Amino acid sequence: MADSLGFLISDVSRLLRKRFDERARLIGVTRPQWRTLVILQRNEGLNQGALAERLEVEPITLCRMIDRLEEAGLVERRRDPQDRRAWRIFLTEGARPIIAKLAVIADELFGVALDGIAEPERDALADMLEQIRTNLAANQPEFEDEQLTHHG
C-alpha cells in the first residue's frame, strides 16, 4: 500500500505541475516564477536570502529568477535600509494582473482535477493531505536516530 500510495501522490503532483505549466506558459510565466510571485504577494519586501529559503532554492538560482522577473517588469529590487549589501524584493503593479490570471488558471485546473468528487470528500482529502504534511514536517529526531541504529 505504501508504495502504491507514494507513487499515486507523486503522479498526481507531477500531472498537476505539468498541466499548470502548459497553461501558465500561455501567459509567459513558469511555475517557479508563479510560486515566487505568490510568496512575494504574501510577504512583500522579503530579502533575497529569506525568499530563497521559502522557495527552497539556492540563492544564485533565485537571483537569476529575480533578474528575469525584473526584466519582465513584475518585481523590483530595493536596497535594504538596514543592510546596504542586501536587496528587498517587491511586486510591481504589473505583477498583480498576472497573479490574478495565474490564480484563475490554478482554480480551473483544480476544478478539472476534482471533477466528480463531492464537496465533503474534497474537504476530507484536504484534511488528510494537511495531516500528512504535518506528520512529515514534524521534527522526529527519535525516528531518525532509530533508523540509524537499525541500519547503521
N, C-alpha and C. Protein backbone atom coordinates (compact mmCIF):
# COMPACT_ATOMS: atom_id res chain seq x y z
N MET A 1 0.83 -1.20 0.00
CA MET A 1 0.00 0.00 0.00
C MET A 1 0.86 1.25 0.00
N ALA A 2 1.92 1.28 0.83
CA ALA A 2 2.76 2.47 0.94
C ALA A 2 3.39 2.81 -0.41
N ASP A 3 3.88 1.79 -1.12
CA ASP A 3 4.49 2.04 -2.43
C ASP A 3 3.48 2.62 -3.40
N SER A 4 2.30 1.98 -3.51
CA SER A 4 1.32 2.46 -4.47
C SER A 4 0.78 3.84 -4.09
N LEU A 5 0.60 4.10 -2.80
CA LEU A 5 0.14 5.42 -2.36
C LEU A 5 1.19 6.48 -2.66
N GLY A 6 2.45 6.15 -2.40
CA GLY A 6 3.53 7.08 -2.70
C GLY A 6 3.61 7.41 -4.18
N PHE A 7 3.49 6.39 -5.02
CA PHE A 7 3.52 6.61 -6.47
C PHE A 7 2.31 7.41 -6.92
N LEU A 8 1.15 7.12 -6.34
CA LEU A 8 -0.06 7.85 -6.70
C LEU A 8 0.06 9.33 -6.36
N ILE A 9 0.51 9.63 -5.15
CA ILE A 9 0.69 11.03 -4.74
C ILE A 9 1.71 11.71 -5.67
N SER A 10 2.78 11.01 -5.97
CA SER A 10 3.81 11.56 -6.86
C SER A 10 3.25 11.82 -8.26
N ASP A 11 2.48 10.87 -8.79
CA ASP A 11 1.92 11.03 -10.13
C ASP A 11 0.93 12.18 -10.19
N VAL A 12 0.08 12.30 -9.16
CA VAL A 12 -0.88 13.41 -9.13
C VAL A 12 -0.14 14.74 -9.09
N SER A 13 0.88 14.82 -8.26
CA SER A 13 1.68 16.04 -8.15
C SER A 13 2.35 16.38 -9.49
N ARG A 14 2.95 15.37 -10.11
CA ARG A 14 3.62 15.57 -11.40
C ARG A 14 2.63 16.05 -12.46
N LEU A 15 1.46 15.42 -12.54
CA LEU A 15 0.46 15.81 -13.53
C LEU A 15 -0.08 17.22 -13.27
N LEU A 16 -0.30 17.57 -12.01
CA LEU A 16 -0.75 18.93 -11.70
C LEU A 16 0.30 19.95 -12.15
N ARG A 17 1.58 19.67 -11.85
CA ARG A 17 2.64 20.59 -12.27
C ARG A 17 2.69 20.71 -13.79
N LYS A 18 2.61 19.57 -14.47
CA LYS A 18 2.68 19.56 -15.93
C LYS A 18 1.53 20.35 -16.55
N ARG A 19 0.31 20.09 -16.10
CA ARG A 19 -0.86 20.79 -16.65
C ARG A 19 -0.82 22.29 -16.32
N PHE A 20 -0.39 22.61 -15.12
CA PHE A 20 -0.27 24.04 -14.77
C PHE A 20 0.76 24.71 -15.66
N ASP A 21 1.92 24.08 -15.83
CA ASP A 21 2.97 24.64 -16.68
C ASP A 21 2.47 24.90 -18.09
N GLU A 22 1.70 23.95 -18.64
CA GLU A 22 1.16 24.12 -20.00
C GLU A 22 0.28 25.36 -20.09
N ARG A 23 -0.54 25.57 -19.07
CA ARG A 23 -1.46 26.71 -19.08
C ARG A 23 -0.73 28.03 -18.78
N ALA A 24 0.17 28.01 -17.81
CA ALA A 24 0.87 29.23 -17.41
C ALA A 24 1.79 29.73 -18.52
N ARG A 25 2.36 28.79 -19.27
CA ARG A 25 3.25 29.15 -20.36
C ARG A 25 2.54 30.05 -21.38
N LEU A 26 1.22 29.88 -21.51
CA LEU A 26 0.45 30.68 -22.46
C LEU A 26 0.46 32.17 -22.10
N ILE A 27 0.67 32.48 -20.81
CA ILE A 27 0.76 33.90 -20.44
C ILE A 27 2.20 34.29 -20.10
N GLY A 28 3.14 33.39 -20.41
CA GLY A 28 4.55 33.73 -20.30
C GLY A 28 5.17 33.62 -18.92
N VAL A 29 4.61 32.76 -18.06
CA VAL A 29 5.13 32.61 -16.70
C VAL A 29 5.38 31.14 -16.42
N THR A 30 6.46 30.85 -15.73
CA THR A 30 6.74 29.48 -15.31
C THR A 30 6.17 29.24 -13.92
N ARG A 31 6.02 27.98 -13.56
CA ARG A 31 5.52 27.64 -12.23
C ARG A 31 6.43 28.18 -11.12
N PRO A 32 7.78 28.02 -11.25
CA PRO A 32 8.63 28.61 -10.20
C PRO A 32 8.46 30.13 -10.09
N GLN A 33 8.26 30.80 -11.22
CA GLN A 33 8.02 32.25 -11.16
C GLN A 33 6.70 32.54 -10.46
N TRP A 34 5.68 31.72 -10.73
CA TRP A 34 4.39 31.92 -10.09
C TRP A 34 4.53 31.75 -8.59
N ARG A 35 5.23 30.69 -8.15
CA ARG A 35 5.43 30.49 -6.71
C ARG A 35 6.12 31.70 -6.10
N THR A 36 7.11 32.22 -6.79
CA THR A 36 7.85 33.38 -6.30
C THR A 36 6.92 34.58 -6.17
N LEU A 37 6.12 34.82 -7.18
CA LEU A 37 5.19 35.95 -7.15
C LEU A 37 4.17 35.80 -6.02
N VAL A 38 3.66 34.59 -5.81
CA VAL A 38 2.66 34.38 -4.75
C VAL A 38 3.30 34.58 -3.38
N ILE A 39 4.49 34.07 -3.18
CA ILE A 39 5.16 34.26 -1.89
C ILE A 39 5.44 35.74 -1.66
N LEU A 40 5.84 36.44 -2.70
CA LEU A 40 6.06 37.89 -2.56
C LEU A 40 4.75 38.62 -2.28
N GLN A 41 3.68 38.17 -2.89
CA GLN A 41 2.39 38.81 -2.64
C GLN A 41 2.03 38.71 -1.16
N ARG A 42 2.34 37.58 -0.56
CA ARG A 42 2.03 37.36 0.86
C ARG A 42 3.07 37.99 1.79
N ASN A 43 4.29 38.23 1.27
CA ASN A 43 5.40 38.70 2.11
C ASN A 43 6.24 39.73 1.37
N GLU A 44 5.61 40.79 0.91
CA GLU A 44 6.37 41.78 0.14
C GLU A 44 7.51 42.34 0.95
N GLY A 45 8.61 42.56 0.26
CA GLY A 45 9.77 43.15 0.91
C GLY A 45 10.72 42.14 1.52
N LEU A 46 10.50 40.85 1.26
CA LEU A 46 11.47 39.86 1.74
C LEU A 46 12.82 40.13 1.11
N ASN A 47 13.88 39.84 1.85
CA ASN A 47 15.18 39.94 1.21
C ASN A 47 15.42 38.66 0.42
N GLN A 48 16.41 38.70 -0.47
CA GLN A 48 16.63 37.58 -1.36
C GLN A 48 16.96 36.29 -0.62
N GLY A 49 17.67 36.37 0.48
CA GLY A 49 18.01 35.18 1.25
C GLY A 49 16.78 34.52 1.84
N ALA A 50 15.90 35.31 2.44
CA ALA A 50 14.67 34.76 3.03
C ALA A 50 13.76 34.19 1.96
N LEU A 51 13.71 34.86 0.82
CA LEU A 51 12.87 34.38 -0.28
C LEU A 51 13.41 33.05 -0.81
N ALA A 52 14.72 32.94 -0.95
CA ALA A 52 15.33 31.68 -1.40
C ALA A 52 15.00 30.55 -0.43
N GLU A 53 15.05 30.83 0.87
CA GLU A 53 14.71 29.82 1.87
C GLU A 53 13.27 29.37 1.72
N ARG A 54 12.36 30.30 1.56
CA ARG A 54 10.94 29.95 1.44
C ARG A 54 10.67 29.13 0.19
N LEU A 55 11.41 29.44 -0.88
CA LEU A 55 11.23 28.70 -2.14
C LEU A 55 12.03 27.40 -2.17
N GLU A 56 12.91 27.23 -1.18
CA GLU A 56 13.79 26.06 -1.10
C GLU A 56 14.65 25.94 -2.35
N VAL A 57 15.27 27.08 -2.72
CA VAL A 57 16.22 27.11 -3.84
C VAL A 57 17.50 27.77 -3.37
N GLU A 58 18.55 27.54 -4.12
CA GLU A 58 19.82 28.18 -3.82
C GLU A 58 19.72 29.67 -4.14
N PRO A 59 20.43 30.52 -3.39
CA PRO A 59 20.37 31.97 -3.64
C PRO A 59 20.74 32.35 -5.08
N ILE A 60 21.70 31.66 -5.69
CA ILE A 60 22.08 32.01 -7.08
C ILE A 60 20.95 31.69 -8.05
N THR A 61 20.22 30.61 -7.79
CA THR A 61 19.07 30.25 -8.62
C THR A 61 18.00 31.33 -8.50
N LEU A 62 17.75 31.77 -7.28
CA LEU A 62 16.75 32.81 -7.06
C LEU A 62 17.20 34.11 -7.73
N CYS A 63 18.46 34.42 -7.63
CA CYS A 63 18.97 35.67 -8.21
C CYS A 63 18.66 35.72 -9.71
N ARG A 64 18.90 34.61 -10.40
CA ARG A 64 18.61 34.57 -11.84
C ARG A 64 17.11 34.71 -12.11
N MET A 65 16.29 34.07 -11.25
CA MET A 65 14.85 34.17 -11.43
C MET A 65 14.38 35.60 -11.19
N ILE A 66 14.90 36.24 -10.16
CA ILE A 66 14.53 37.63 -9.89
C ILE A 66 14.97 38.52 -11.04
N ASP A 67 16.16 38.25 -11.60
CA ASP A 67 16.61 39.01 -12.78
C ASP A 67 15.56 38.94 -13.89
N ARG A 68 15.07 37.72 -14.18
CA ARG A 68 14.09 37.55 -15.26
C ARG A 68 12.76 38.23 -14.92
N LEU A 69 12.33 38.11 -13.67
CA LEU A 69 11.08 38.75 -13.27
C LEU A 69 11.21 40.27 -13.31
N GLU A 70 12.38 40.76 -12.96
CA GLU A 70 12.62 42.21 -13.01
C GLU A 70 12.62 42.69 -14.47
N GLU A 71 13.27 41.93 -15.34
CA GLU A 71 13.28 42.28 -16.77
C GLU A 71 11.87 42.29 -17.35
N ALA A 72 11.01 41.40 -16.85
CA ALA A 72 9.63 41.33 -17.31
C ALA A 72 8.75 42.41 -16.68
N GLY A 73 9.32 43.19 -15.75
CA GLY A 73 8.57 44.26 -15.11
C GLY A 73 7.62 43.79 -14.02
N LEU A 74 7.88 42.59 -13.45
CA LEU A 74 6.97 42.05 -12.45
C LEU A 74 7.45 42.27 -11.01
N VAL A 75 8.75 42.45 -10.81
CA VAL A 75 9.28 42.72 -9.48
C VAL A 75 10.32 43.82 -9.57
N GLU A 76 10.63 44.39 -8.41
CA GLU A 76 11.72 45.35 -8.35
C GLU A 76 12.53 45.10 -7.09
N ARG A 77 13.84 45.33 -7.22
CA ARG A 77 14.73 45.23 -6.07
C ARG A 77 14.88 46.62 -5.47
N ARG A 78 14.85 46.65 -4.14
CA ARG A 78 15.12 47.90 -3.43
C ARG A 78 16.16 47.60 -2.36
N ARG A 79 17.05 48.55 -2.16
CA ARG A 79 18.08 48.40 -1.13
C ARG A 79 17.43 48.25 0.24
N ASP A 80 17.99 47.36 1.03
CA ASP A 80 17.53 47.16 2.40
C ASP A 80 18.08 48.31 3.23
N PRO A 81 17.22 49.10 3.88
CA PRO A 81 17.71 50.24 4.66
C PRO A 81 18.59 49.83 5.84
N GLN A 82 18.41 48.60 6.36
CA GLN A 82 19.23 48.14 7.49
C GLN A 82 20.54 47.48 7.05
N ASP A 83 20.61 47.06 5.78
CA ASP A 83 21.80 46.35 5.29
C ASP A 83 22.02 46.74 3.83
N ARG A 84 22.93 47.65 3.59
CA ARG A 84 23.15 48.17 2.25
C ARG A 84 23.61 47.11 1.26
N ARG A 85 24.08 45.96 1.75
CA ARG A 85 24.50 44.88 0.85
C ARG A 85 23.33 44.04 0.38
N ALA A 86 22.21 44.13 1.08
CA ALA A 86 21.05 43.26 0.80
C ALA A 86 20.01 43.99 -0.04
N TRP A 87 19.22 43.20 -0.75
CA TRP A 87 18.12 43.71 -1.55
C TRP A 87 16.81 43.15 -1.02
N ARG A 88 15.79 43.97 -1.03
CA ARG A 88 14.44 43.52 -0.71
C ARG A 88 13.67 43.49 -2.03
N ILE A 89 12.77 42.51 -2.15
CA ILE A 89 12.05 42.29 -3.41
C ILE A 89 10.59 42.68 -3.23
N PHE A 90 10.09 43.47 -4.18
CA PHE A 90 8.72 43.94 -4.17
C PHE A 90 8.06 43.67 -5.52
N LEU A 91 6.75 43.41 -5.47
CA LEU A 91 5.99 43.27 -6.71
C LEU A 91 5.78 44.64 -7.33
N THR A 92 5.68 44.68 -8.64
CA THR A 92 5.28 45.90 -9.32
C THR A 92 3.77 45.83 -9.56
N GLU A 93 3.19 46.93 -9.95
CA GLU A 93 1.75 46.92 -10.26
C GLU A 93 1.47 45.99 -11.44
N GLY A 94 2.43 45.83 -12.34
CA GLY A 94 2.25 44.93 -13.48
C GLY A 94 2.14 43.47 -13.09
N ALA A 95 2.61 43.11 -11.90
CA ALA A 95 2.56 41.71 -11.47
C ALA A 95 1.16 41.31 -11.03
N ARG A 96 0.40 42.25 -10.52
CA ARG A 96 -0.89 41.90 -9.91
C ARG A 96 -1.88 41.27 -10.90
N PRO A 97 -2.04 41.79 -12.12
CA PRO A 97 -2.95 41.12 -13.06
C PRO A 97 -2.45 39.73 -13.47
N ILE A 98 -1.13 39.55 -13.54
CA ILE A 98 -0.56 38.25 -13.88
C ILE A 98 -0.87 37.25 -12.77
N ILE A 99 -0.70 37.67 -11.52
CA ILE A 99 -1.01 36.80 -10.38
C ILE A 99 -2.49 36.43 -10.40
N ALA A 100 -3.35 37.38 -10.72
CA ALA A 100 -4.79 37.10 -10.78
C ALA A 100 -5.09 36.09 -11.88
N LYS A 101 -4.45 36.22 -13.04
CA LYS A 101 -4.66 35.25 -14.13
C LYS A 101 -4.16 33.87 -13.73
N LEU A 102 -3.03 33.81 -13.04
CA LEU A 102 -2.49 32.53 -12.60
C LEU A 102 -3.41 31.87 -11.57
N ALA A 103 -4.03 32.66 -10.73
CA ALA A 103 -4.98 32.12 -9.75
C ALA A 103 -6.18 31.50 -10.46
N VAL A 104 -6.64 32.14 -11.52
CA VAL A 104 -7.76 31.60 -12.31
C VAL A 104 -7.34 30.28 -12.95
N ILE A 105 -6.13 30.24 -13.50
CA ILE A 105 -5.61 29.01 -14.11
C ILE A 105 -5.57 27.89 -13.07
N ALA A 106 -5.06 28.19 -11.89
CA ALA A 106 -4.97 27.18 -10.83
C ALA A 106 -6.37 26.71 -10.41
N ASP A 107 -7.30 27.64 -10.25
CA ASP A 107 -8.67 27.28 -9.86
C ASP A 107 -9.31 26.38 -10.91
N GLU A 108 -9.13 26.72 -12.19
CA GLU A 108 -9.70 25.92 -13.27
C GLU A 108 -9.08 24.53 -13.28
N LEU A 109 -7.77 24.46 -13.09
CA LEU A 109 -7.07 23.18 -13.09
C LEU A 109 -7.56 22.30 -11.94
N PHE A 110 -7.73 22.87 -10.76
CA PHE A 110 -8.23 22.07 -9.65
C PHE A 110 -9.69 21.68 -9.86
N GLY A 111 -10.43 22.51 -10.57
CA GLY A 111 -11.81 22.13 -10.92
C GLY A 111 -11.81 20.87 -11.77
N VAL A 112 -10.91 20.82 -12.74
CA VAL A 112 -10.77 19.63 -13.59
C VAL A 112 -10.30 18.44 -12.75
N ALA A 113 -9.28 18.66 -11.94
CA ALA A 113 -8.69 17.57 -11.15
C ALA A 113 -9.71 16.97 -10.17
N LEU A 114 -10.58 17.80 -9.62
CA LEU A 114 -11.51 17.34 -8.58
C LEU A 114 -12.90 17.02 -9.12
N ASP A 115 -13.05 17.03 -10.44
CA ASP A 115 -14.33 16.74 -11.06
C ASP A 115 -14.83 15.36 -10.62
N GLY A 116 -16.08 15.29 -10.23
CA GLY A 116 -16.66 14.02 -9.80
C GLY A 116 -16.44 13.71 -8.33
N ILE A 117 -15.78 14.59 -7.61
CA ILE A 117 -15.55 14.39 -6.17
C ILE A 117 -16.41 15.40 -5.42
N ALA A 118 -17.29 14.89 -4.58
CA ALA A 118 -18.24 15.74 -3.85
C ALA A 118 -17.50 16.61 -2.84
N GLU A 119 -18.12 17.72 -2.48
CA GLU A 119 -17.52 18.70 -1.56
C GLU A 119 -17.06 18.09 -0.23
N PRO A 120 -17.86 17.23 0.41
CA PRO A 120 -17.38 16.64 1.67
C PRO A 120 -16.12 15.79 1.46
N GLU A 121 -16.05 15.09 0.33
CA GLU A 121 -14.86 14.28 0.05
C GLU A 121 -13.66 15.18 -0.25
N ARG A 122 -13.89 16.30 -0.92
CA ARG A 122 -12.81 17.26 -1.18
C ARG A 122 -12.26 17.79 0.15
N ASP A 123 -13.17 18.15 1.05
CA ASP A 123 -12.75 18.65 2.36
C ASP A 123 -11.96 17.59 3.12
N ALA A 124 -12.44 16.34 3.06
CA ALA A 124 -11.75 15.25 3.75
C ALA A 124 -10.36 15.03 3.14
N LEU A 125 -10.26 15.09 1.82
CA LEU A 125 -8.97 14.93 1.14
C LEU A 125 -8.01 16.02 1.59
N ALA A 126 -8.48 17.27 1.61
CA ALA A 126 -7.63 18.38 2.04
C ALA A 126 -7.17 18.18 3.48
N ASP A 127 -8.08 17.74 4.35
CA ASP A 127 -7.72 17.49 5.75
C ASP A 127 -6.67 16.39 5.86
N MET A 128 -6.85 15.32 5.08
CA MET A 128 -5.90 14.21 5.14
C MET A 128 -4.52 14.63 4.62
N LEU A 129 -4.50 15.37 3.52
CA LEU A 129 -3.22 15.83 2.98
C LEU A 129 -2.53 16.79 3.95
N GLU A 130 -3.31 17.63 4.60
CA GLU A 130 -2.76 18.54 5.61
C GLU A 130 -2.13 17.74 6.75
N GLN A 131 -2.81 16.68 7.18
CA GLN A 131 -2.28 15.85 8.26
C GLN A 131 -0.99 15.14 7.82
N ILE A 132 -0.96 14.65 6.59
CA ILE A 132 0.25 14.01 6.07
C ILE A 132 1.41 15.01 6.06
N ARG A 133 1.12 16.24 5.58
CA ARG A 133 2.17 17.26 5.56
C ARG A 133 2.66 17.57 6.97
N THR A 134 1.73 17.71 7.91
CA THR A 134 2.10 17.98 9.30
C THR A 134 2.97 16.85 9.85
N ASN A 135 2.56 15.62 9.59
CA ASN A 135 3.33 14.47 10.07
C ASN A 135 4.75 14.48 9.51
N LEU A 136 4.87 14.76 8.22
CA LEU A 136 6.19 14.73 7.58
C LEU A 136 7.05 15.93 7.95
N ALA A 137 6.41 17.06 8.23
CA ALA A 137 7.15 18.27 8.57
C ALA A 137 7.62 18.28 10.01
N ALA A 138 6.95 17.49 10.85
CA ALA A 138 7.29 17.46 12.28
C ALA A 138 8.72 16.97 12.46
N ASN A 139 9.39 17.58 13.39
CA ASN A 139 10.76 17.16 13.72
C ASN A 139 10.66 15.84 14.47
N GLN A 140 11.23 14.80 13.90
CA GLN A 140 11.15 13.47 14.51
C GLN A 140 12.55 12.87 14.67
N PRO A 141 13.41 13.51 15.49
CA PRO A 141 14.79 13.01 15.60
C PRO A 141 14.88 11.60 16.17
N GLU A 142 13.93 11.24 17.05
CA GLU A 142 13.98 9.89 17.62
C GLU A 142 13.78 8.83 16.53
N PHE A 143 12.96 9.13 15.53
CA PHE A 143 12.76 8.20 14.42
C PHE A 143 14.04 8.10 13.60
N GLU A 144 14.67 9.26 13.33
CA GLU A 144 15.92 9.25 12.57
C GLU A 144 17.01 8.50 13.33
N ASP A 145 17.10 8.72 14.65
CA ASP A 145 18.10 8.01 15.46
C ASP A 145 17.82 6.51 15.44
N GLU A 146 16.54 6.13 15.52
CA GLU A 146 16.17 4.72 15.50
C GLU A 146 16.56 4.08 14.16
N GLN A 147 16.33 4.81 13.06
CA GLN A 147 16.68 4.31 11.74
C GLN A 147 18.20 4.10 11.64
N LEU A 148 18.96 5.03 12.18
CA LEU A 148 20.41 4.91 12.13
C LEU A 148 20.90 3.72 12.95
N THR A 149 20.24 3.49 14.08
CA THR A 149 20.62 2.37 14.95
C THR A 149 20.35 1.04 14.26
N HIS A 150 19.20 0.92 13.60
CA HIS A 150 18.82 -0.33 12.96
C HIS A 150 19.55 -0.58 11.66
N HIS A 151 19.94 0.50 10.97
CA HIS A 151 20.57 0.35 9.65
C HIS A 151 22.04 0.72 9.67
N GLY A 152 22.55 1.25 10.76
CA GLY A 152 23.90 1.76 10.81
C GLY A 152 24.80 0.78 11.37
